[in-house]
Protein backbone atom coordinates (compact mmCIF):
# COMPACT_ATOMS: atom_id res chain seq x y z
CA MET A 1 -9.04 -21.19 -38.94
CA VAL A 2 -6.98 -21.80 -41.97
CA VAL A 3 -5.38 -18.34 -41.97
CA ALA A 4 -7.70 -17.18 -39.19
CA LEU A 5 -6.08 -19.28 -36.48
CA ALA A 6 -2.62 -18.17 -37.44
CA GLY A 7 -3.61 -14.57 -38.00
CA SER A 8 -5.80 -14.05 -34.96
CA LEU A 9 -4.10 -11.15 -33.26
CA ALA A 10 -5.31 -7.92 -31.86
CA ALA A 11 -5.38 -13.32 -34.18
CA CYS A 12 -11.89 -30.20 -22.97
CA GLY A 13 -10.88 -32.13 -20.45
CA GLY A 14 -8.87 -31.85 -17.26
CA GLY A 15 -9.13 -28.40 -15.67
CA PRO A 16 -11.92 -26.22 -14.40
CA THR A 17 -15.44 -26.81 -15.58
CA ALA A 18 -17.49 -24.10 -17.25
CA ALA A 19 -19.48 -23.61 -14.04
CA SER A 20 -16.43 -23.06 -11.85
CA ILE A 21 -14.74 -19.95 -13.24
CA GLY A 22 -15.54 -16.60 -14.80
CA THR A 23 -18.62 -15.18 -16.40
CA THR A 24 -20.28 -16.87 -19.36
CA TYR A 25 -19.97 -14.98 -22.64
CA THR A 26 -22.40 -16.17 -25.30
CA ASP A 27 -21.58 -15.46 -28.93
CA PRO A 28 -24.18 -13.11 -30.47
CA GLU A 29 -24.30 -15.46 -33.51
CA GLY A 30 -24.96 -18.44 -31.24
CA ALA A 31 -21.86 -20.42 -32.25
CA TYR A 32 -20.19 -20.77 -28.83
CA THR A 33 -20.00 -19.96 -25.15
CA LEU A 34 -16.82 -19.19 -23.21
CA GLN A 35 -16.08 -18.40 -19.59
CA VAL A 36 -14.18 -15.11 -19.30
CA ASP A 37 -12.65 -13.20 -16.43
CA PRO A 38 -14.92 -10.21 -15.68
CA ALA A 39 -11.78 -8.05 -15.34
CA TRP A 40 -10.89 -8.55 -19.00
CA ASP A 41 -11.61 -5.57 -21.28
CA LEU A 42 -14.04 -6.71 -24.02
CA GLN A 43 -13.90 -5.10 -27.45
CA VAL A 44 -16.60 -6.44 -29.77
CA GLY A 45 -16.17 -5.75 -33.48
CA GLY A 46 -13.34 -3.26 -32.96
CA PHE A 47 -10.77 -5.44 -34.71
CA ALA A 48 -13.03 -6.95 -37.35
CA GLU A 49 -16.70 -7.81 -37.63
CA GLY A 50 -17.48 -11.07 -35.87
CA VAL A 51 -14.33 -11.00 -33.75
CA GLU A 52 -14.46 -10.54 -30.01
CA ILE A 53 -11.26 -9.45 -28.26
CA TRP A 54 -10.59 -9.33 -24.55
CA PHE A 55 -7.54 -7.31 -23.56
CA LEU A 56 -5.92 -8.97 -20.58
CA GLY A 57 -3.56 -6.39 -19.19
CA PRO A 58 -1.39 -3.40 -20.01
CA VAL A 59 0.70 -2.96 -23.14
CA GLU A 60 3.90 -5.00 -23.06
CA GLY A 61 6.60 -3.84 -25.44
CA GLY A 62 4.09 -2.18 -27.74
CA PHE A 63 1.63 -5.11 -27.75
CA ARG A 64 -1.37 -5.70 -25.51
CA PRO A 65 -1.87 -9.37 -24.59
CA ASN A 66 -5.33 -10.57 -25.56
CA VAL A 67 -7.76 -13.37 -26.12
CA ASN A 68 -9.55 -13.15 -29.43
CA LEU A 69 -12.39 -15.31 -30.57
CA LEU A 70 -13.69 -15.64 -34.07
CA THR A 71 -15.86 -17.89 -36.14
CA GLN A 72 -15.48 -18.67 -39.81
CA SER A 73 -17.04 -20.88 -42.43
CA ALA A 74 -15.41 -24.30 -42.81
CA PRO A 75 -17.79 -26.25 -45.05
CA GLY A 76 -17.07 -29.95 -45.38
CA MET A 77 -14.12 -29.89 -42.97
CA ASP A 78 -13.61 -31.99 -39.89
CA LEU A 79 -11.26 -31.12 -37.03
CA ALA A 80 -8.28 -33.02 -38.48
CA GLY A 81 -8.66 -31.42 -41.91
CA TYR A 82 -9.09 -27.96 -40.45
CA THR A 83 -6.03 -28.40 -38.24
CA ALA A 84 -3.88 -29.52 -41.18
CA ALA A 85 -5.09 -26.66 -43.39
CA SER A 86 -4.39 -24.16 -40.62
CA ILE A 87 -0.85 -25.39 -40.11
CA ARG A 88 -0.22 -25.24 -43.88
CA SER A 89 -1.54 -21.68 -44.18
CA ALA A 90 -0.03 -20.23 -40.98
CA PRO A 91 3.28 -19.13 -42.51
CA SER A 92 1.40 -16.78 -44.85
CA ALA A 93 0.07 -14.86 -41.83
CA ILE A 94 2.91 -15.26 -39.33
CA SER A 95 6.56 -14.87 -40.25
CA ASP A 96 8.89 -17.43 -38.72
CA PHE A 97 5.88 -19.62 -37.88
CA GLN A 98 6.86 -22.45 -35.55
CA LEU A 99 4.35 -25.07 -34.43
CA VAL A 100 5.02 -26.04 -30.82
CA SER A 101 2.23 -28.60 -30.44
CA SER A 102 -1.16 -29.63 -31.79
CA THR A 103 -3.52 -32.06 -30.06
CA ARG A 104 -7.18 -33.06 -29.97
CA ILE A 105 -8.55 -32.44 -26.46
CA GLU A 106 -12.17 -33.44 -27.02
CA PRO A 107 -14.02 -35.05 -29.93
CA GLU A 108 -14.76 -31.65 -31.47
CA LEU A 109 -12.00 -29.47 -29.96
CA GLY A 110 -8.28 -29.16 -30.58
CA VAL A 111 -5.49 -27.12 -29.05
CA MET A 112 -2.54 -25.66 -30.91
CA GLU A 113 0.46 -23.77 -29.56
CA TYR A 114 2.66 -21.83 -31.95
CA ARG A 115 4.95 -18.83 -32.15
CA GLY A 116 6.20 -16.42 -34.74
CA THR A 117 6.58 -12.82 -35.78
CA ALA A 118 3.52 -10.68 -36.42
CA GLN A 119 3.07 -6.95 -36.28
CA GLU A 120 6.90 -6.83 -36.11
CA ARG A 121 6.82 -8.54 -32.70
CA HIS A 122 7.84 -11.98 -31.47
CA LEU A 123 4.54 -13.43 -30.28
CA HIS A 124 3.38 -16.70 -28.78
CA PHE A 125 -0.10 -18.15 -29.30
CA LEU A 126 -2.34 -20.76 -27.73
CA ALA A 127 -5.53 -21.59 -29.64
CA ILE A 128 -8.44 -23.82 -28.70
CA PHE A 129 -10.65 -24.46 -31.70
CA GLY A 130 -13.42 -26.63 -32.98
CA ILE A 131 -15.70 -27.43 -35.89
CA ARG A 132 -19.44 -27.87 -35.79
CA SER A 133 -21.94 -27.75 -38.64
CA GLY A 134 -19.45 -26.37 -41.16
CA ARG A 135 -18.34 -23.55 -38.87
CA ALA A 136 -14.97 -23.17 -37.12
CA THR A 137 -14.66 -21.40 -33.79
CA ILE A 138 -11.20 -20.30 -32.64
CA ALA A 139 -10.23 -18.84 -29.23
CA THR A 140 -6.61 -17.62 -29.18
CA LEU A 141 -4.38 -16.25 -26.45
CA THR A 142 -1.75 -13.95 -27.99
CA SER A 143 1.09 -12.42 -25.98
CA PRO A 144 4.71 -11.38 -26.32
CA GLU A 145 7.03 -14.37 -26.19
CA GLU A 146 8.64 -13.16 -22.95
CA THR A 147 5.41 -13.15 -20.92
CA PHE A 148 3.57 -16.07 -22.53
CA ALA A 149 4.13 -18.61 -19.74
CA GLY A 150 2.49 -16.35 -17.15
CA TRP A 151 -0.45 -15.48 -19.39
CA ARG A 152 -0.92 -19.12 -20.35
CA ALA A 153 -1.16 -20.21 -16.71
CA THR A 154 -3.86 -17.59 -16.11
CA VAL A 155 -5.81 -17.83 -19.37
CA GLU A 156 -5.71 -21.48 -20.49
CA PRO A 157 -8.34 -22.62 -17.95
CA PHE A 158 -10.73 -20.06 -19.44
CA LEU A 159 -9.94 -21.11 -23.03
CA ARG A 160 -10.69 -24.70 -22.14
CA THR A 161 -14.28 -23.71 -21.26
CA LEU A 162 -15.00 -23.08 -24.97
CA ARG A 163 -18.19 -24.91 -25.91
CA LEU A 164 -19.59 -25.02 -29.42
CA THR A 165 -23.35 -24.52 -29.48
């Protein structure tokens, strides 16, 4: 995550189980699985190698809301260390970075909500992330600030199906 969580644009408990919603997407590298809505528009590798992006709807104010998922090396880090490093590095990727909340939701998964300016737009982010075997996996909802609440209600149940493999 470090800068990846903060910069993921186009950069679990309680809620639906993995078997109850969506279609299972399995990472080609074998790092994770995630339930996704079959209506989402998948773009693999179009943003950057190793990044999957699902566009959720039409362009809103010049930005298309999305869920992006990436993995990155995080040798020797645990979830707490990775979270702290990500929060420290976020302002270098997102202007006006503001952490809304950060919590552990499972032994190996955390959730972080934050907002800031990126690509000259006021954006809001919700990331579910985890560490396993020296590798971080980050799933992030990114949308314009004005429409975040609606996207969050729709997308968060899917993000919470993230499973590290």
